[in-house]
Amino acid sequence: MGAWELLLVGLVLLLGLCGVLVPGVPGSWFVWAAILWWALQDPKPLSWAVLVGASVVLLLSNLLRWQLPARRVRGSGVNRRMVVWAGAGAVLGFVVIPVLGAIPGFLAGMYLSERRRLGRHGEAAASTRTAMRTMGESVLVELFSCLLIAGAWVGSEIWG
């Protein structure tokens, strides 16, 4: 697979990761489609293993998300800025502490957004808890699974 094709796969993966943070955009489907495209263009056992692993991870994450209680987002204080900060924190945490850092990074990004908006620690912590109960758990599960898949793809390209 050429450098341009790898770059396009990476861009579709990035689009999918951003799509996870935007309501109504099928971000996890973009991530899976990018991995499928890559596996079809570069048919090696490792490519197929990553595709099967991605399929299993996304299936499990969807099953877990369906088990989480649905809550109303309106009136909970969740806004786009908070979602962007949380997503950026998850990606940064994923890079700083591979894989496991996405969870504290997500929470830290959400808290920092609220701290900037509200100004006080107590109010920001309460707002972060409310946001996590409202929609954060579902977004965190989907984002973590997509980051895990993207990390597997990067790892297979580096060491495969």
Protein backbone atom coordinates (compact mmCIF):
# COMPACT_ATOMS: atom_id res chain seq x y z
CA MET A 1 0.00 0.00 0.00
CA GLY A 2 1.41 3.38 -1.00
CA ALA A 3 2.01 6.37 1.20
CA TRP A 4 -0.93 8.29 -0.28
CA GLU A 5 -3.32 5.43 0.35
CA LEU A 6 -2.09 5.11 3.95
CA LEU A 7 -2.57 8.85 4.36
CA LEU A 8 -6.15 8.56 3.09
CA VAL A 9 -6.88 5.68 5.46
CA GLY A 10 -5.46 7.78 8.30
CA LEU A 11 -7.62 10.75 7.30
CA VAL A 12 -10.76 8.60 7.23
CA LEU A 13 -9.82 7.25 10.66
CA LEU A 14 -9.37 10.81 11.91
CA LEU A 15 -12.71 11.79 10.39
CA GLY A 16 -14.30 8.87 12.22
CA LEU A 17 -12.70 9.87 15.52
CA CYS A 18 -14.02 13.41 15.10
CA GLY A 19 -17.38 11.99 14.03
CA VAL A 20 -17.72 10.19 17.36
CA LEU A 21 -17.87 13.59 19.04
CA VAL A 22 -20.54 14.99 16.70
CA PRO A 23 -24.07 13.75 17.37
CA GLY A 24 -25.64 12.13 14.33
CA VAL A 25 -22.36 11.36 12.54
CA PRO A 26 -21.54 7.63 12.37
CA GLY A 27 -17.94 7.99 13.53
CA SER A 28 -17.42 4.37 14.47
CA TRP A 29 -18.64 3.31 11.02
CA PHE A 30 -16.05 5.57 9.39
CA VAL A 31 -13.35 4.00 11.55
CA TRP A 32 -14.48 0.49 10.62
CA ALA A 33 -14.75 1.39 6.92
CA ALA A 34 -11.20 2.78 6.95
CA ILE A 35 -9.89 -0.45 8.48
CA LEU A 36 -11.88 -2.52 5.97
CA TRP A 37 -10.50 -0.48 3.07
CA TRP A 38 -6.97 -0.88 4.42
CA ALA A 39 -7.36 -4.65 4.91
CA LEU A 40 -8.72 -5.09 1.39
CA GLN A 41 -5.90 -3.05 -0.15
CA ASP A 42 -3.15 -4.69 1.94
CA PRO A 43 -4.26 -8.33 2.35
CA LYS A 44 -1.90 -9.74 4.96
CA PRO A 45 -2.77 -11.86 7.98
CA LEU A 46 -2.08 -8.91 10.30
CA SER A 47 -4.45 -6.67 8.31
CA TRP A 48 -7.22 -9.22 8.55
CA ALA A 49 -6.55 -9.72 12.26
CA VAL A 50 -6.88 -5.97 12.84
CA LEU A 51 -10.13 -5.94 10.83
CA VAL A 52 -11.59 -8.84 12.82
CA GLY A 53 -10.44 -7.22 16.06
CA ALA A 54 -11.99 -3.91 15.04
CA SER A 55 -15.26 -5.63 14.21
CA VAL A 56 -15.34 -7.37 17.58
CA VAL A 57 -14.42 -4.21 19.51
CA LEU A 58 -17.12 -2.16 17.76
CA LEU A 59 -19.72 -4.88 18.30
CA LEU A 60 -18.89 -5.04 22.00
CA SER A 61 -18.88 -1.26 22.35
CA ASN A 62 -22.31 -1.03 20.69
CA LEU A 63 -23.65 -3.73 22.99
CA LEU A 64 -22.26 -1.86 25.99
CA ARG A 65 -23.66 1.48 24.79
CA TRP A 66 -27.13 -0.04 24.36
CA GLN A 67 -26.98 -1.20 27.98
CA LEU A 68 -26.27 2.31 29.25
CA PRO A 69 -29.39 4.23 30.24
CA ALA A 70 -30.55 6.87 27.77
CA ARG A 71 -30.69 10.34 29.25
CA ARG A 72 -31.80 13.72 27.98
CA VAL A 73 -28.96 15.94 26.85
CA ARG A 74 -30.96 19.18 26.73
CA GLY A 75 -30.82 21.16 29.92
CA SER A 76 -27.89 19.17 31.31
CA GLY A 77 -25.25 21.76 30.45
CA VAL A 78 -23.59 19.64 27.76
CA ASN A 79 -22.46 21.82 24.87
CA ARG A 80 -20.20 21.46 21.84
CA ARG A 81 -17.27 23.13 23.52
CA MET A 82 -17.36 20.56 26.32
CA VAL A 83 -17.49 17.69 23.83
CA VAL A 84 -14.54 19.09 21.87
CA TRP A 85 -12.48 19.57 25.04
CA ALA A 86 -13.35 16.06 26.22
CA GLY A 87 -12.42 14.56 22.86
CA ALA A 88 -9.14 16.46 22.71
CA GLY A 89 -8.36 15.33 26.25
CA ALA A 90 -9.09 11.71 25.34
CA VAL A 91 -6.81 11.83 22.30
CA LEU A 92 -4.04 13.54 24.28
CA GLY A 93 -4.43 11.05 27.14
CA PHE A 94 -4.35 8.17 24.66
CA VAL A 95 -1.03 9.43 23.28
CA VAL A 96 0.56 10.28 26.65
CA ILE A 97 -0.48 7.05 28.39
CA PRO A 98 -1.18 4.59 25.57
CA VAL A 99 -4.72 3.18 25.52
CA LEU A 100 -5.65 3.70 29.18
CA GLY A 101 -4.93 7.43 29.16
CA ALA A 102 -8.03 8.10 27.04
CA ILE A 103 -10.37 7.76 30.02
CA PRO A 104 -8.70 10.25 32.40
CA GLY A 105 -7.97 12.51 29.44
CA PHE A 106 -11.66 12.55 28.50
CA LEU A 107 -12.68 13.42 32.06
CA ALA A 108 -9.94 16.05 32.39
CA GLY A 109 -10.98 17.71 29.13
CA MET A 110 -14.60 17.79 30.24
CA TYR A 111 -13.63 19.22 33.64
CA LEU A 112 -11.33 21.88 32.13
CA SER A 113 -14.09 23.01 29.81
CA GLU A 114 -16.46 23.42 32.72
CA ARG A 115 -13.82 25.07 34.88
CA ARG A 116 -13.26 27.68 32.17
CA ARG A 117 -16.98 28.23 31.78
CA LEU A 118 -18.01 28.27 35.45
CA GLY A 119 -14.81 29.41 37.14
CA ARG A 120 -15.06 27.42 40.39
CA HIS A 121 -13.93 23.88 41.18
CA GLY A 122 -17.08 22.75 42.96
CA GLU A 123 -19.43 23.90 40.23
CA ALA A 124 -17.18 22.49 37.49
CA ALA A 125 -16.93 19.10 39.22
CA ALA A 126 -20.71 18.92 39.70
CA SER A 127 -21.31 19.88 36.08
CA THR A 128 -18.79 17.27 34.90
CA ARG A 129 -20.56 14.56 36.92
CA THR A 130 -23.92 15.60 35.44
CA ALA A 131 -22.51 15.59 31.91
CA MET A 132 -20.97 12.14 32.40
CA ARG A 133 -24.29 10.79 33.62
CA THR A 134 -26.11 12.39 30.70
CA MET A 135 -24.05 11.46 27.68
CA GLY A 136 -20.42 11.12 28.60
CA GLU A 137 -20.48 7.40 29.30
CA SER A 138 -21.83 6.57 25.86
CA VAL A 139 -19.44 8.90 24.03
CA LEU A 140 -16.52 7.68 26.12
CA VAL A 141 -17.23 4.03 25.27
CA GLU A 142 -17.48 4.76 21.54
CA LEU A 143 -14.45 7.07 21.49
CA PHE A 144 -12.32 4.64 23.49
CA SER A 145 -13.16 1.77 21.16
CA CYS A 146 -12.37 3.87 18.07
CA LEU A 147 -9.09 5.07 19.60
CA LEU A 148 -8.21 1.46 20.38
CA ILE A 149 -8.83 0.49 16.75
CA ALA A 150 -6.86 3.47 15.43
CA GLY A 151 -4.01 2.56 17.77
CA ALA A 152 -4.05 -1.03 16.51
CA TRP A 153 -3.87 0.24 12.93
CA VAL A 154 -0.95 2.57 13.70
CA GLY A 155 0.82 -0.20 15.61
CA SER A 156 0.36 -2.69 12.80
CA GLU A 157 1.75 -0.20 10.30
CA ILE A 158 4.76 0.59 12.47
CA TRP A 159 5.65 -2.91 13.66
CA GLY A 160 3.89 -5.06 11.04
